[in-house]
N, C-alpha and C. Protein backbone atom coordinates (compact mmCIF):
# COMPACT_ATOMS: atom_id res chain seq x y z
N UNK A 1 0.76 -1.10 0.23
CA UNK A 1 0.09 0.07 -0.09
C UNK A 1 0.70 1.44 0.31
N UNK A 2 1.87 1.26 0.73
CA UNK A 2 2.79 2.32 0.81
C UNK A 2 3.19 3.15 -0.63
N UNK A 3 3.89 1.88 -1.49
CA UNK A 3 4.29 1.98 -3.04
C UNK A 3 2.79 3.21 -3.50
N UNK A 4 2.10 2.29 -3.48
CA UNK A 4 0.33 3.38 -4.44
C UNK A 4 0.40 4.54 -3.64
N UNK A 5 0.64 4.74 -2.06
CA UNK A 5 0.12 6.17 -1.90
C UNK A 5 1.47 7.14 -2.03
N UNK A 6 2.87 6.65 -2.26
CA UNK A 6 3.57 7.05 -2.70
C UNK A 6 3.55 8.15 -4.04
N UNK A 7 3.15 6.76 -4.77
CA UNK A 7 2.69 7.02 -6.46
C UNK A 7 2.01 8.19 -6.46
N UNK A 8 0.52 7.90 -5.76
CA UNK A 8 -0.36 8.99 -5.71
C UNK A 8 -0.43 10.54 -5.81
N UNK A 9 0.71 10.57 -4.51
CA UNK A 9 1.02 11.65 -3.80
C UNK A 9 2.06 12.47 -5.18
N UNK A 10 3.31 11.63 -5.98
CA UNK A 10 3.81 11.87 -6.91
C UNK A 10 3.01 12.62 -7.89
N UNK A 11 1.57 11.71 -8.27
CA UNK A 11 0.94 12.24 -9.40
C UNK A 11 0.29 13.70 -9.16
N UNK A 12 0.01 13.49 -7.64
CA UNK A 12 -0.34 14.60 -7.20
C UNK A 12 0.57 15.96 -7.37
N UNK A 13 1.32 15.62 -7.20
CA UNK A 13 2.52 17.11 -7.30
C UNK A 13 2.29 17.31 -8.77
N UNK A 14 2.68 16.40 -9.61
CA UNK A 14 2.77 16.57 -11.22
C UNK A 14 1.31 17.34 -11.26
N UNK A 15 0.09 17.10 -11.04
CA UNK A 15 -1.24 17.66 -11.67
C UNK A 15 -1.37 18.90 -11.09
N UNK A 16 -0.78 19.24 -9.46
CA UNK A 16 -1.33 20.60 -9.50
C UNK A 16 0.20 21.64 -9.97
N UNK A 17 1.52 21.08 -10.32
CA UNK A 17 2.03 21.95 -10.98
C UNK A 17 1.63 21.98 -12.68
N UNK A 18 1.12 21.21 -13.20
CA UNK A 18 -0.07 21.46 -14.37
C UNK A 18 -0.85 22.71 -14.45
N UNK A 19 -1.64 22.50 -13.22
CA UNK A 19 -2.66 23.59 -13.14
C UNK A 19 -2.08 25.19 -13.11
N UNK A 20 -0.93 24.68 -12.16
CA UNK A 20 -0.17 26.46 -12.52
C UNK A 20 0.45 26.49 -13.70
N UNK A 21 0.78 25.43 -14.55
CA UNK A 21 1.42 25.77 -15.84
C UNK A 21 0.06 26.56 -16.74
N UNK A 22 -0.88 26.14 -16.50
CA UNK A 22 -2.24 26.62 -17.10
C UNK A 22 -2.38 27.91 -16.69
N UNK A 23 -2.59 28.24 -15.54
CA UNK A 23 -2.62 29.47 -14.83
C UNK A 23 -1.65 30.42 -15.39
N UNK A 24 -0.21 29.91 -15.28
CA UNK A 24 0.44 30.91 -15.91
C UNK A 24 0.26 31.23 -17.10
N UNK A 25 -0.32 30.89 -17.88
CA UNK A 25 -0.56 31.31 -19.25
C UNK A 25 -1.77 32.23 -19.69
N UNK A 26 -2.56 32.16 -18.50
CA UNK A 26 -3.97 32.62 -18.55
C UNK A 26 -4.17 33.55 -17.27
N UNK A 27 -3.85 35.07 -17.68
CA UNK A 27 -3.87 36.05 -16.90
C UNK A 27 -5.34 36.31 -16.09
N UNK A 28 -6.35 36.00 -16.77
CA UNK A 28 -7.78 35.89 -16.35
C UNK A 28 -7.93 35.11 -15.10
N UNK A 29 -7.03 34.29 -14.82
CA UNK A 29 -7.14 33.43 -13.82
C UNK A 29 -6.38 33.69 -12.62
N UNK A 30 -5.67 34.65 -12.62
CA UNK A 30 -4.92 35.20 -11.58
C UNK A 30 -5.87 35.58 -10.19
N UNK A 31 -6.91 36.80 -10.76
CA UNK A 31 -7.77 37.19 -9.61
C UNK A 31 -9.12 36.46 -9.94
N UNK A 32 -9.07 35.40 -10.51
CA UNK A 32 -10.70 34.64 -10.55
C UNK A 32 -11.30 34.33 -9.40
N UNK A 33 -12.03 34.80 -8.68
CA UNK A 33 -12.72 34.18 -7.62
C UNK A 33 -12.83 32.76 -7.34
N UNK A 34 -13.22 32.16 -8.11
CA UNK A 34 -13.57 30.72 -8.16
C UNK A 34 -12.02 29.91 -8.34
N UNK A 35 -11.31 30.13 -9.19
CA UNK A 35 -10.02 29.75 -9.24
C UNK A 35 -9.45 29.77 -7.81
N UNK A 36 -9.48 31.00 -7.34
CA UNK A 36 -8.48 31.48 -5.88
C UNK A 36 -9.48 30.56 -4.84
N UNK A 37 -10.39 30.41 -4.62
CA UNK A 37 -11.51 29.62 -3.89
C UNK A 37 -11.04 28.33 -3.66
N UNK A 38 -10.84 27.57 -5.21
CA UNK A 38 -10.80 26.13 -4.94
C UNK A 38 -9.15 25.91 -4.72
N UNK A 39 -8.06 26.64 -5.34
CA UNK A 39 -6.73 26.24 -4.95
C UNK A 39 -6.58 26.60 -3.41
N UNK A 40 -7.08 27.63 -2.86
CA UNK A 40 -6.96 27.76 -1.33
C UNK A 40 -7.58 26.54 -1.01
N UNK A 41 -8.62 26.07 -1.07
CA UNK A 41 -9.23 24.93 -0.28
C UNK A 41 -8.57 24.05 -0.66
N UNK A 42 -8.22 23.40 -2.14
CA UNK A 42 -6.95 22.24 -1.99
C UNK A 42 -6.00 22.43 -1.46
N UNK A 43 -5.33 23.72 -1.26
CA UNK A 43 -4.17 23.72 -0.35
C UNK A 43 -4.40 23.48 1.09
N UNK A 44 -4.98 24.11 1.65
CA UNK A 44 -5.43 23.66 2.81
C UNK A 44 -5.82 22.38 3.28
N UNK A 45 -6.51 21.75 2.70
CA UNK A 45 -6.82 20.25 2.78
C UNK A 45 -5.77 19.34 2.55
N UNK A 46 -4.89 19.61 1.45
CA UNK A 46 -3.68 18.65 1.40
C UNK A 46 -3.00 18.97 2.31
N UNK A 47 -2.45 20.52 3.00
CA UNK A 47 -1.68 20.62 3.90
C UNK A 47 -2.27 20.22 5.21
N UNK A 48 -3.58 20.26 5.53
CA UNK A 48 -3.87 19.51 7.06
C UNK A 48 -3.53 18.12 7.03
N UNK A 49 -3.63 17.44 5.90
CA UNK A 49 -3.36 16.00 5.84
C UNK A 49 -1.89 15.67 5.84
N UNK A 50 -1.16 16.42 5.03
CA UNK A 50 0.39 15.82 5.06
C UNK A 50 1.03 16.49 6.62
N UNK A 51 0.71 17.52 7.15
CA UNK A 51 1.22 18.09 8.46
C UNK A 51 0.65 17.14 9.59
N UNK A 52 -0.83 16.63 9.40
CA UNK A 52 -1.32 16.21 10.71
C UNK A 52 -0.47 14.72 10.49
N UNK A 53 -0.43 13.86 9.33
CA UNK A 53 0.04 12.44 9.70
C UNK A 53 1.36 12.31 10.40
N UNK A 54 2.10 13.57 10.07
CA UNK A 54 4.05 13.93 10.84
C UNK A 54 3.84 14.32 11.98
N UNK A 55 2.48 14.72 12.77
CA UNK A 55 1.92 14.97 14.13
C UNK A 55 2.24 16.32 14.05
N UNK A 56 2.17 17.48 12.99
CA UNK A 56 2.41 18.77 13.33
C UNK A 56 1.10 19.51 12.66
N UNK A 57 -0.25 19.17 12.83
CA UNK A 57 -1.27 19.61 12.23
C UNK A 57 -1.14 21.25 12.15
N UNK A 58 -1.54 21.91 11.02
CA UNK A 58 -1.49 23.22 10.84
C UNK A 58 -2.54 24.01 11.64
N UNK A 59 -2.25 25.55 12.40
CA UNK A 59 -3.29 26.01 12.95
C UNK A 59 -4.61 26.64 12.14
N UNK A 60 -5.33 26.52 13.22
CA UNK A 60 -6.87 27.06 12.50
C UNK A 60 -6.58 28.40 11.49
N UNK A 61 -5.90 29.26 11.88
CA UNK A 61 -5.32 30.56 11.52
C UNK A 61 -4.80 30.23 9.72
N UNK A 62 -4.00 29.34 10.06
CA UNK A 62 -3.21 28.84 8.43
C UNK A 62 -4.32 28.14 7.59
N UNK A 63 -5.10 27.50 8.28
CA UNK A 63 -6.06 26.81 7.14
C UNK A 63 -7.19 27.87 7.03
N UNK A 64 -7.20 29.03 7.26
CA UNK A 64 -8.05 30.19 6.92
C UNK A 64 -7.38 31.31 6.32
N UNK A 65 -6.20 31.07 5.99
CA UNK A 65 -5.52 32.09 5.30
C UNK A 65 -5.92 31.93 3.97
N UNK A 66 -6.31 33.21 3.05
CA UNK A 66 -6.43 33.33 1.79
C UNK A 66 -5.50 33.66 1.00
N UNK A 67 -4.65 33.13 0.04
CA UNK A 67 -3.45 33.23 -0.76
C UNK A 67 -3.80 33.57 -1.82
N UNK A 68 -2.62 34.23 -2.42
CA UNK A 68 -2.86 34.80 -3.96
C UNK A 68 -2.17 33.65 -4.78
N UNK A 69 -2.54 33.92 -6.23
CA UNK A 69 -2.24 32.54 -7.08
C UNK A 69 -0.82 32.58 -6.60
N UNK A 70 0.23 33.63 -6.64
CA UNK A 70 1.69 33.58 -6.32
C UNK A 70 1.87 32.61 -4.87
N UNK A 71 1.18 33.14 -4.30
CA UNK A 71 1.53 32.60 -2.95
C UNK A 71 1.08 31.05 -2.89
N UNK A 72 0.06 30.56 -3.63
CA UNK A 72 -0.52 29.63 -3.63
C UNK A 72 0.21 28.61 -4.27
N UNK A 73 1.26 29.10 -5.62
CA UNK A 73 1.76 28.26 -6.14
C UNK A 73 3.06 27.98 -5.26
N UNK A 74 3.63 28.89 -4.26
CA UNK A 74 4.92 28.74 -3.39
C UNK A 74 4.28 27.60 -2.52
N UNK A 75 2.99 28.04 -2.08
CA UNK A 75 2.73 27.23 -0.59
C UNK A 75 2.52 25.64 -1.40
N UNK A 76 1.70 25.57 -2.27
CA UNK A 76 1.45 23.98 -2.85
C UNK A 76 3.28 23.33 -3.13
N UNK A 77 3.92 24.41 -3.95
CA UNK A 77 5.00 23.55 -3.98
C UNK A 77 5.87 23.02 -3.02
N UNK A 78 5.85 23.86 -1.99
CA UNK A 78 6.43 23.90 -0.60
C UNK A 78 5.83 22.54 0.05
N UNK A 79 4.82 22.39 0.04
CA UNK A 79 4.03 21.27 0.75
C UNK A 79 4.21 19.99 0.12
N UNK A 80 4.42 20.08 -1.25
CA UNK A 80 4.52 18.69 -2.10
C UNK A 80 5.92 18.28 -1.90
N UNK A 81 6.83 19.35 -1.72
CA UNK A 81 8.37 19.11 -1.06
C UNK A 81 8.37 18.47 0.16
N UNK A 82 7.80 18.94 0.90
CA UNK A 82 7.72 18.53 2.10
C UNK A 82 7.20 16.70 2.30
N UNK A 83 6.02 16.48 1.54
CA UNK A 83 5.81 15.15 1.22
C UNK A 83 6.65 14.21 0.60
N UNK A 84 7.61 14.99 -0.47
CA UNK A 84 8.46 14.48 -0.85
C UNK A 84 9.51 13.76 0.02
N UNK A 85 9.87 14.77 0.59
CA UNK A 85 11.11 14.32 1.66
C UNK A 85 10.51 13.27 2.94
N UNK A 86 9.16 13.49 3.18
CA UNK A 86 8.53 12.59 4.38
C UNK A 86 8.12 11.02 3.83
N UNK A 87 7.51 11.09 2.60
CA UNK A 87 6.72 9.65 2.20
C UNK A 87 7.94 8.68 2.05
N UNK A 88 9.19 8.69 1.52
CA UNK A 88 10.24 7.78 1.42
C UNK A 88 10.39 7.23 2.77
N UNK A 89 10.24 7.93 3.61
CA UNK A 89 10.93 7.76 5.14
C UNK A 89 9.74 6.96 6.06
N UNK A 90 8.41 6.99 5.41
CA UNK A 90 7.34 6.06 6.22
C UNK A 90 7.60 5.03 6.17
N UNK A 91 7.05 4.19 6.92
CA UNK A 91 7.11 2.67 7.20
C UNK A 91 5.82 2.29 7.17
N UNK A 92 5.80 0.96 6.62
CA UNK A 92 4.13 0.38 6.31
C UNK A 92 3.36 0.15 8.00
N UNK A 93 4.32 -0.04 8.91
CA UNK A 93 3.61 0.12 9.97
C UNK A 93 3.00 1.43 10.46
N UNK A 94 3.40 2.45 10.06
CA UNK A 94 2.57 3.77 10.54
C UNK A 94 1.54 3.91 10.14
N UNK A 95 1.02 3.21 8.93
CA UNK A 95 -0.18 3.35 7.99
C UNK A 95 -1.24 3.15 9.20
N UNK A 96 -1.14 2.36 10.04
CA UNK A 96 -2.26 1.92 11.15
C UNK A 96 -2.25 2.77 12.11
N UNK A 97 -1.58 3.85 12.21
CA UNK A 97 -1.80 4.52 13.26
C UNK A 97 -2.83 5.78 13.08
N UNK A 98 -3.38 6.25 14.02
CA UNK A 98 -4.57 7.16 13.93
C UNK A 98 -4.20 8.63 14.02
N UNK A 99 -4.99 9.31 13.27
CA UNK A 99 -4.33 10.65 12.99
C UNK A 99 -5.39 11.50 13.45
N UNK A 100 -5.19 12.33 14.08
CA UNK A 100 -6.47 13.28 14.92
C UNK A 100 -6.99 14.30 13.75
N UNK A 101 -8.41 14.12 13.34
CA UNK A 101 -9.00 15.25 12.59
C UNK A 101 -9.85 15.77 13.24
N UNK A 102 -9.79 16.67 13.79
CA UNK A 102 -11.00 17.89 14.84
C UNK A 102 -12.05 17.94 14.34
N UNK A 103 -12.38 17.83 13.03
CA UNK A 103 -13.94 17.94 12.50
C UNK A 103 -14.64 16.60 12.57
N UNK A 104 -14.07 15.78 13.06
CA UNK A 104 -14.52 13.99 13.04
C UNK A 104 -14.68 13.83 14.91
N UNK A 105 -15.88 13.79 15.23
CA UNK A 105 -15.67 13.50 16.43
C UNK A 105 -15.95 12.28 16.81
N UNK A 106 -16.41 11.26 16.12
CA UNK A 106 -16.67 9.64 16.41
C UNK A 106 -15.89 9.24 15.71
N UNK A 107 -14.95 9.29 14.79
CA UNK A 107 -13.72 8.65 13.81
C UNK A 107 -12.54 9.48 13.86
N UNK A 108 -11.69 8.45 13.99
CA UNK A 108 -10.38 9.38 13.77
C UNK A 108 -9.76 8.32 12.44
N UNK A 109 -9.29 8.46 11.47
CA UNK A 109 -8.55 7.82 10.25
C UNK A 109 -7.21 7.31 10.78
N UNK A 110 -6.67 6.53 9.98
CA UNK A 110 -5.51 5.83 10.17
C UNK A 110 -4.96 6.73 9.21
N UNK A 111 -3.43 6.63 9.23
CA UNK A 111 -2.39 7.48 8.46
C UNK A 111 -2.82 7.09 6.86
N UNK A 112 -2.92 6.01 6.88
CA UNK A 112 -3.39 5.33 5.54
C UNK A 112 -4.21 6.29 4.60
N UNK A 113 -5.74 6.02 5.46
CA UNK A 113 -6.46 6.90 5.12
C UNK A 113 -6.63 8.34 5.12
N UNK A 114 -5.77 8.85 5.83
CA UNK A 114 -5.31 10.44 5.71
C UNK A 114 -4.79 10.60 4.35
N UNK A 115 -3.82 9.73 4.07
CA UNK A 115 -2.73 10.36 2.97
C UNK A 115 -3.40 9.59 1.77
N UNK A 116 -4.34 8.76 1.97
CA UNK A 116 -5.28 8.66 0.91
C UNK A 116 -6.55 9.66 0.39
N UNK A 117 -6.97 10.21 1.31
CA UNK A 117 -7.85 11.40 1.39
C UNK A 117 -6.99 12.41 0.57
N UNK A 118 -5.85 12.95 1.20
CA UNK A 118 -5.17 13.81 0.96
C UNK A 118 -5.36 14.05 -0.77
N UNK A 119 -4.78 12.92 -1.35
CA UNK A 119 -4.76 13.09 -3.04
C UNK A 119 -5.94 12.74 -3.61
N UNK A 120 -7.01 11.88 -3.12
CA UNK A 120 -8.02 11.84 -3.46
C UNK A 120 -9.50 13.22 -3.52
N UNK A 121 -9.24 13.96 -2.22
CA UNK A 121 -10.00 14.84 -2.03
C UNK A 121 -9.85 16.06 -3.53
N UNK A 122 -8.67 16.19 -3.88
CA UNK A 122 -8.40 17.37 -4.94
C UNK A 122 -8.65 16.62 -6.05
N UNK A 123 -8.91 15.32 -6.63
CA UNK A 123 -9.57 15.22 -7.86
C UNK A 123 -10.71 15.83 -7.95
N UNK A 124 -12.04 15.66 -7.47
CA UNK A 124 -13.36 16.84 -8.02
C UNK A 124 -12.69 17.93 -8.11
N UNK A 125 -11.88 18.55 -6.99
CA UNK A 125 -11.92 20.21 -6.96
C UNK A 125 -10.90 20.13 -8.37
N UNK A 126 -10.06 19.41 -8.72
CA UNK A 126 -9.18 19.63 -10.13
C UNK A 126 -9.97 19.86 -10.97
N UNK A 127 -11.00 18.89 -11.34
CA UNK A 127 -12.12 18.95 -12.40
C UNK A 127 -12.73 20.16 -12.20
N UNK A 128 -12.99 20.83 -11.24
CA UNK A 128 -14.00 22.05 -11.32
C UNK A 128 -13.02 23.19 -11.43
N UNK A 129 -12.03 23.05 -11.18
CA UNK A 129 -10.46 24.06 -11.67
C UNK A 129 -10.38 24.26 -12.71
N UNK A 130 -10.36 23.06 -13.52
CA UNK A 130 -10.02 22.94 -14.68
C UNK A 130 -11.46 23.40 -15.84
N UNK A 131 -12.60 23.13 -15.38
CA UNK A 131 -13.77 23.57 -15.94
C UNK A 131 -13.76 25.15 -16.28
N UNK A 132 -13.73 25.27 -14.93
CA UNK A 132 -13.25 27.47 -14.78
C UNK A 132 -12.17 28.08 -15.42
N UNK A 133 -11.15 26.85 -15.46
CA UNK A 133 -9.95 27.64 -16.16
C UNK A 133 -10.73 27.85 -17.77
N UNK A 134 -11.18 26.48 -18.51
CA UNK A 134 -11.48 26.47 -19.72
C UNK A 134 -12.66 27.69 -19.79
N UNK A 135 -13.55 28.14 -19.26
CA UNK A 135 -14.07 29.25 -19.03
C UNK A 135 -13.62 30.16 -19.58
N UNK A 136 -12.58 30.52 -18.73
CA UNK A 136 -11.71 31.60 -19.10
C UNK A 136 -10.80 31.76 -20.21
N UNK A 137 -10.71 30.97 -20.79
CA UNK A 137 -10.19 30.74 -22.11
C UNK A 137 -9.14 29.65 -22.09
N UNK A 138 -8.64 28.66 -21.24
CA UNK A 138 -7.65 28.09 -21.51
C UNK A 138 -7.92 26.87 -22.22
N UNK A 139 -6.91 26.18 -22.80
CA UNK A 139 -6.98 24.88 -23.65
C UNK A 139 -6.47 23.90 -22.52
N UNK A 140 -7.61 23.29 -22.06
CA UNK A 140 -7.13 22.25 -21.19
C UNK A 140 -6.91 21.00 -21.70
N UNK A 141 -5.78 20.25 -20.72
CA UNK A 141 -5.69 18.79 -21.43
C UNK A 141 -6.04 17.81 -20.19
N UNK A 142 -6.32 16.81 -20.11
CA UNK A 142 -6.55 15.92 -19.25
C UNK A 142 -5.43 15.63 -18.20
N UNK A 143 -5.83 15.75 -17.20
CA UNK A 143 -4.66 14.98 -16.16
C UNK A 143 -4.98 14.02 -15.21
N UNK A 144 -5.31 13.21 -15.80
CA UNK A 144 -5.60 11.94 -15.07
C UNK A 144 -4.50 11.17 -14.77
N UNK A 145 -4.71 10.62 -13.72
CA UNK A 145 -3.47 9.62 -13.02
C UNK A 145 -2.90 8.75 -14.21
N UNK A 146 -3.88 8.01 -14.98
CA UNK A 146 -3.25 7.08 -16.19
C UNK A 146 -2.45 7.75 -17.11
N UNK A 147 -2.89 9.11 -17.32
CA UNK A 147 -2.17 10.07 -18.18
C UNK A 147 -0.52 10.17 -17.87
N UNK A 148 -0.68 10.87 -16.50
CA UNK A 148 0.71 10.76 -15.94
C UNK A 148 1.54 9.21 -16.28
N UNK A 149 1.16 8.33 -15.64
CA UNK A 149 1.48 7.03 -15.84
C UNK A 149 1.78 6.61 -17.10
N UNK A 150 1.39 7.03 -18.11
CA UNK A 150 1.64 6.91 -19.69
C UNK A 150 2.64 7.45 -19.98
N UNK A 151 2.84 8.82 -19.30
CA UNK A 151 4.20 9.59 -19.79
C UNK A 151 5.38 9.20 -19.06
N UNK A 152 5.05 8.04 -18.31
CA UNK A 152 6.39 7.63 -17.59
C UNK A 152 6.61 8.35 -16.25
N UNK A 153 5.54 8.58 -15.78
CA UNK A 153 5.41 9.39 -14.52
C UNK A 153 6.43 10.54 -14.29
N UNK A 154 6.56 11.53 -15.32
CA UNK A 154 7.00 12.78 -14.98
C UNK A 154 6.94 13.43 -13.72
N UNK A 155 8.18 13.95 -13.45
CA UNK A 155 8.22 14.76 -12.29
C UNK A 155 7.33 16.34 -12.25
N UNK A 156 6.63 16.74 -11.47
CA UNK A 156 6.39 17.92 -11.79
C UNK A 156 7.13 18.99 -12.11
N UNK A 157 6.85 20.10 -13.01
CA UNK A 157 7.65 21.07 -13.78
C UNK A 157 6.97 22.54 -12.84
N UNK A 158 7.41 22.76 -11.72
CA UNK A 158 7.07 23.89 -10.95
C UNK A 158 7.63 25.37 -11.80
N UNK A 159 8.97 25.08 -12.27
CA UNK A 159 9.67 26.10 -12.70
C UNK A 159 8.57 26.87 -13.74
N UNK A 160 8.00 26.26 -14.70
CA UNK A 160 7.43 26.81 -15.56
C UNK A 160 6.14 26.95 -15.38
N UNK A 161 5.71 27.19 -14.18
CA UNK A 161 4.50 27.39 -13.54
C UNK A 161 4.49 28.89 -13.12
N UNK A 162 5.57 29.28 -13.44
CA UNK A 162 5.11 30.96 -13.13
C UNK A 162 5.06 31.66 -14.31
N UNK A 163 4.18 32.89 -13.59
CA UNK A 163 3.58 33.59 -14.63
C UNK A 163 4.72 34.65 -14.98
N UNK A 164 4.78 34.43 -16.74
CA UNK A 164 5.81 35.15 -17.15
C UNK A 164 5.64 36.81 -16.79
N UNK A 165 6.72 37.43 -16.98
CA UNK A 165 6.32 39.00 -16.14
C UNK A 165 7.31 39.86 -17.62
N UNK A 166 6.79 40.50 -18.29
CA UNK A 166 7.73 41.25 -19.01
C UNK A 166 8.12 42.59 -18.72
């Protein structure tokens, strides 16, 4: 199971970087309320689960912070780098440990469930985001897991995800 979890998180980083590459070429997306809302929500949830499985959940204030596109790109890049450093060290036995999730009163997921939720949660929101980007004029391509696998599991391209300034 650990191999699959690592694979899904690597895919997540690639897909998130691909979204920011699209946004970099679409000035209208930088201030779009729906784009910002979805990205902030995706960042908050992914950050919560990644930090919580490490025993360092983010503060309520951090989870309510609303970031700009540039701040979101940097924040998401950083949290993916943190996951990249943590997941290779994670042991299979740790997957059974419980993770505290404050909004669940009668249920606490295992580390395996929390790490799975971290990547699964973004799927539907990424689809919503791509739909919004298309409405703003972006020419989107599928960002499915199987596409990533078929391309040889490429690393995320965060460097080309920056808005070009003239």
